[in-house]
Amino acid sequence: MKHILFVDDVSTNLKCVGLILKNKYKVTMVKSGGEALAFLKGAKPDLVLLDIHMQEMDGYDVMRCMKADPDTAHIPVILLTADAEEESRERGLALGAVDYISKPFEPQLLLERIEAVWRTEE
């Protein structure tokens, strides 16, 4: 079973996405960028779903740290955020995100985009 790390500082978002993913994937949920990076020191999920706007460390900083570390640089990241600005999307993709999904989103869209990441890796 594929493993997804979901990083978001809003509990409601964690619960909603967790419900969408739980029957198809192993899901680990954390509430901050720092928690995500600590988790990644000991585990290597198949994908990271990452919010951009978080309190202590934003998603861009988390991605910079991930991409700078040879142990995590290969893990695909999908940005899942309320920020629908084109500049934010371009910035996220330039940092190495494989996709960018704006909230709110349809559950089926999220599932399709996740599967698309793994299809392109094969």
C-alpha atoms as a PDB file:
ATOM      1  CA  MET A   1       0.000   0.000   0.000  1.00  0.00           C
ATOM      2  CA  LYS A   2       1.380   3.411  -0.982  1.00  0.00           C
ATOM      3  CA  HIS A   3       2.183   5.789   1.871  1.00  0.00           C
ATOM      4  CA  ILE A   4       1.242   9.495   1.797  1.00  0.00           C
ATOM      5  CA  LEU A   5       2.398  12.167   4.223  1.00  0.00           C
ATOM      6  CA  PHE A   6      -0.165  14.991   4.486  1.00  0.00           C
ATOM      7  CA  VAL A   7       1.016  18.267   6.010  1.00  0.00           C
ATOM      8  CA  ASP A   8      -1.537  20.929   6.959  1.00  0.00           C
ATOM      9  CA  ASP A   9      -1.936  23.094  10.050  1.00  0.00           C
ATOM     10  CA  VAL A  10      -5.753  23.034   9.926  1.00  0.00           C
ATOM     11  CA  SER A  11      -7.299  20.042  11.720  1.00  0.00           C
ATOM     12  CA  THR A  12     -10.427  20.112   9.552  1.00  0.00           C
ATOM     13  CA  ASN A  13      -8.320  19.796   6.401  1.00  0.00           C
ATOM     14  CA  LEU A  14      -6.401  16.878   7.904  1.00  0.00           C
ATOM     15  CA  LYS A  15      -9.641  15.078   8.753  1.00  0.00           C
ATOM     16  CA  CYS A  16     -11.274  15.691   5.360  1.00  0.00           C
ATOM     17  CA  VAL A  17      -8.292  14.600   3.293  1.00  0.00           C
ATOM     18  CA  GLY A  18      -7.697  11.694   5.649  1.00  0.00           C
ATOM     19  CA  LEU A  19     -11.232  10.461   4.981  1.00  0.00           C
ATOM     20  CA  ILE A  20     -10.716  10.730   1.221  1.00  0.00           C
ATOM     21  CA  LEU A  21      -7.435   8.802   1.265  1.00  0.00           C
ATOM     22  CA  LYS A  22      -7.715   6.311   4.132  1.00  0.00           C
ATOM     23  CA  ASN A  23      -9.301   3.430   2.194  1.00  0.00           C
ATOM     24  CA  LYS A  24      -6.735   3.550  -0.601  1.00  0.00           C
ATOM     25  CA  TYR A  25      -3.469   4.574   1.035  1.00  0.00           C
ATOM     26  CA  LYS A  26      -1.548   4.529   4.267  1.00  0.00           C
ATOM     27  CA  VAL A  27      -1.767   8.156   5.450  1.00  0.00           C
ATOM     28  CA  THR A  28       0.362   9.951   8.011  1.00  0.00           C
ATOM     29  CA  MET A  29      -0.854  13.415   8.990  1.00  0.00           C
ATOM     30  CA  VAL A  30       1.184  16.156  10.652  1.00  0.00           C
ATOM     31  CA  LYS A  31       0.317  19.755  11.535  1.00  0.00           C
ATOM     32  CA  SER A  32       3.533  21.623  10.753  1.00  0.00           C
ATOM     33  CA  GLY A  33       6.512  21.797   8.462  1.00  0.00           C
ATOM     34  CA  GLY A  34       8.823  20.981  11.353  1.00  0.00           C
ATOM     35  CA  GLU A  35       6.846  17.838  12.154  1.00  0.00           C
ATOM     36  CA  ALA A  36       6.973  16.855   8.486  1.00  0.00           C
ATOM     37  CA  LEU A  37      10.751  17.193   8.301  1.00  0.00           C
ATOM     38  CA  ALA A  38      11.166  15.270  11.571  1.00  0.00           C
ATOM     39  CA  PHE A  39       8.934  12.486  10.209  1.00  0.00           C
ATOM     40  CA  LEU A  40      10.942  12.366   6.976  1.00  0.00           C
ATOM     41  CA  LYS A  41      14.150  11.701   8.911  1.00  0.00           C
ATOM     42  CA  GLY A  42      12.801   8.263   9.847  1.00  0.00           C
ATOM     43  CA  ALA A  43      10.310   7.393   7.128  1.00  0.00           C
ATOM     44  CA  LYS A  44      10.122   7.771   3.378  1.00  0.00           C
ATOM     45  CA  PRO A  45       6.539   8.063   2.133  1.00  0.00           C
ATOM     46  CA  ASP A  46       5.721   7.606  -1.537  1.00  0.00           C
ATOM     47  CA  LEU A  47       4.215  11.107  -1.808  1.00  0.00           C
ATOM     48  CA  VAL A  48       3.829  14.299   0.234  1.00  0.00           C
ATOM     49  CA  LEU A  49       0.679  16.431   0.120  1.00  0.00           C
ATOM     50  CA  LEU A  50       1.795  19.813   1.394  1.00  0.00           C
ATOM     51  CA  ASP A  51      -0.057  22.968   2.353  1.00  0.00           C
ATOM     52  CA  ILE A  52       1.740  26.230   1.579  1.00  0.00           C
ATOM     53  CA  HIS A  53       0.501  28.611   4.264  1.00  0.00           C
ATOM     54  CA  MET A  54       1.386  27.262   7.701  1.00  0.00           C
ATOM     55  CA  GLN A  55       2.417  29.090  10.861  1.00  0.00           C
ATOM     56  CA  GLU A  56       5.964  28.098  11.820  1.00  0.00           C
ATOM     57  CA  MET A  57       7.353  27.031   8.433  1.00  0.00           C
ATOM     58  CA  ASP A  58       5.583  27.406   5.123  1.00  0.00           C
ATOM     59  CA  GLY A  59       5.330  24.719   2.479  1.00  0.00           C
ATOM     60  CA  TYR A  60       7.920  26.380   0.269  1.00  0.00           C
ATOM     61  CA  ASP A  61      10.501  26.108   3.070  1.00  0.00           C
ATOM     62  CA  VAL A  62       9.574  22.462   3.658  1.00  0.00           C
ATOM     63  CA  MET A  63      10.061  21.756  -0.059  1.00  0.00           C
ATOM     64  CA  ARG A  64      13.439  23.530  -0.087  1.00  0.00           C
ATOM     65  CA  CYS A  65      14.601  21.339   2.805  1.00  0.00           C
ATOM     66  CA  MET A  66      13.257  18.186   1.186  1.00  0.00           C
ATOM     67  CA  LYS A  67      14.853  18.897  -2.197  1.00  0.00           C
ATOM     68  CA  ALA A  68      18.196  19.778  -0.576  1.00  0.00           C
ATOM     69  CA  ASP A  69      18.354  16.417   1.223  1.00  0.00           C
ATOM     70  CA  PRO A  70      19.385  13.455  -0.972  1.00  0.00           C
ATOM     71  CA  ASP A  71      17.245  11.144   1.198  1.00  0.00           C
ATOM     72  CA  THR A  72      14.021  13.049   0.440  1.00  0.00           C
ATOM     73  CA  ALA A  73      14.731  14.901  -2.821  1.00  0.00           C
ATOM     74  CA  HIS A  74      13.134  12.123  -4.886  1.00  0.00           C
ATOM     75  CA  ILE A  75       9.790  12.116  -3.010  1.00  0.00           C
ATOM     76  CA  PRO A  76       7.084  13.724  -5.156  1.00  0.00           C
ATOM     77  CA  VAL A  77       5.261  16.676  -3.609  1.00  0.00           C
ATOM     78  CA  ILE A  78       1.770  17.873  -4.489  1.00  0.00           C
ATOM     79  CA  LEU A  79       0.935  21.293  -3.099  1.00  0.00           C
ATOM     80  CA  LEU A  80      -2.610  21.306  -1.742  1.00  0.00           C
ATOM     81  CA  THR A  81      -3.477  24.868  -0.819  1.00  0.00           C
ATOM     82  CA  ALA A  82      -6.118  27.575  -0.576  1.00  0.00           C
ATOM     83  CA  ASP A  83      -3.761  29.875  -2.485  1.00  0.00           C
ATOM     84  CA  ALA A  84      -5.068  29.990  -6.051  1.00  0.00           C
ATOM     85  CA  GLU A  85      -2.659  32.680  -7.271  1.00  0.00           C
ATOM     86  CA  GLU A  86      -0.761  31.836 -10.459  1.00  0.00           C
ATOM     87  CA  GLU A  87       2.450  33.204  -8.933  1.00  0.00           C
ATOM     88  CA  SER A  88       2.175  30.725  -6.043  1.00  0.00           C
ATOM     89  CA  ARG A  89       1.586  27.834  -8.429  1.00  0.00           C
ATOM     90  CA  GLU A  90       4.591  28.826 -10.538  1.00  0.00           C
ATOM     91  CA  ARG A  91       6.772  29.223  -7.449  1.00  0.00           C
ATOM     92  CA  GLY A  92       5.755  25.798  -6.115  1.00  0.00           C
ATOM     93  CA  LEU A  93       6.383  24.057  -9.417  1.00  0.00           C
ATOM     94  CA  ALA A  94       9.742  25.843  -9.791  1.00  0.00           C
ATOM     95  CA  LEU A  95      10.759  24.508  -6.365  1.00  0.00           C
ATOM     96  CA  GLY A  96      10.021  20.966  -7.514  1.00  0.00           C
ATOM     97  CA  ALA A  97       6.359  20.238  -6.814  1.00  0.00           C
ATOM     98  CA  VAL A  98       4.882  17.771  -9.291  1.00  0.00           C
ATOM     99  CA  ASP A  99       1.385  19.253  -9.043  1.00  0.00           C
ATOM    100  CA  TYR A 100      -0.612  22.067  -7.457  1.00  0.00           C
ATOM    101  CA  ILE A 101      -4.212  21.659  -6.306  1.00  0.00           C
ATOM    102  CA  SER A 102      -6.264  24.599  -5.049  1.00  0.00           C
ATOM    103  CA  LYS A 103      -8.715  24.204  -2.171  1.00  0.00           C
ATOM    104  CA  PRO A 104     -11.558  23.618  -2.246  1.00  0.00           C
ATOM    105  CA  PHE A 105     -11.247  20.616  -4.537  1.00  0.00           C
ATOM    106  CA  GLU A 106     -13.305  17.614  -5.520  1.00  0.00           C
ATOM    107  CA  PRO A 107     -12.218  14.379  -3.808  1.00  0.00           C
ATOM    108  CA  GLN A 108     -12.064  12.557  -7.139  1.00  0.00           C
ATOM    109  CA  LEU A 109      -9.697  15.199  -8.525  1.00  0.00           C
ATOM    110  CA  LEU A 110      -7.298  14.647  -5.628  1.00  0.00           C
ATOM    111  CA  LEU A 111      -7.331  10.880  -6.140  1.00  0.00           C
ATOM    112  CA  GLU A 112      -6.790  11.242  -9.893  1.00  0.00           C
ATOM    113  CA  ARG A 113      -3.872  13.632  -9.455  1.00  0.00           C
ATOM    114  CA  ILE A 114      -2.193  11.331  -6.933  1.00  0.00           C
ATOM    115  CA  GLU A 115      -2.532   8.355  -9.270  1.00  0.00           C
ATOM    116  CA  ALA A 116      -1.215  10.450 -12.172  1.00  0.00           C
ATOM    117  CA  VAL A 117       2.006  11.124 -10.247  1.00  0.00           C
ATOM    118  CA  TRP A 118       2.662   7.417  -9.861  1.00  0.00           C
ATOM    119  CA  ARG A 119       1.760   6.646 -13.466  1.00  0.00           C
ATOM    120  CA  THR A 120       4.394   9.105 -14.700  1.00  0.00           C
ATOM    121  CA  GLU A 121       7.028   7.532 -12.432  1.00  0.00           C
ATOM    122  CA  GLU A 122       6.581   4.068 -13.955  1.00  0.00           C
END
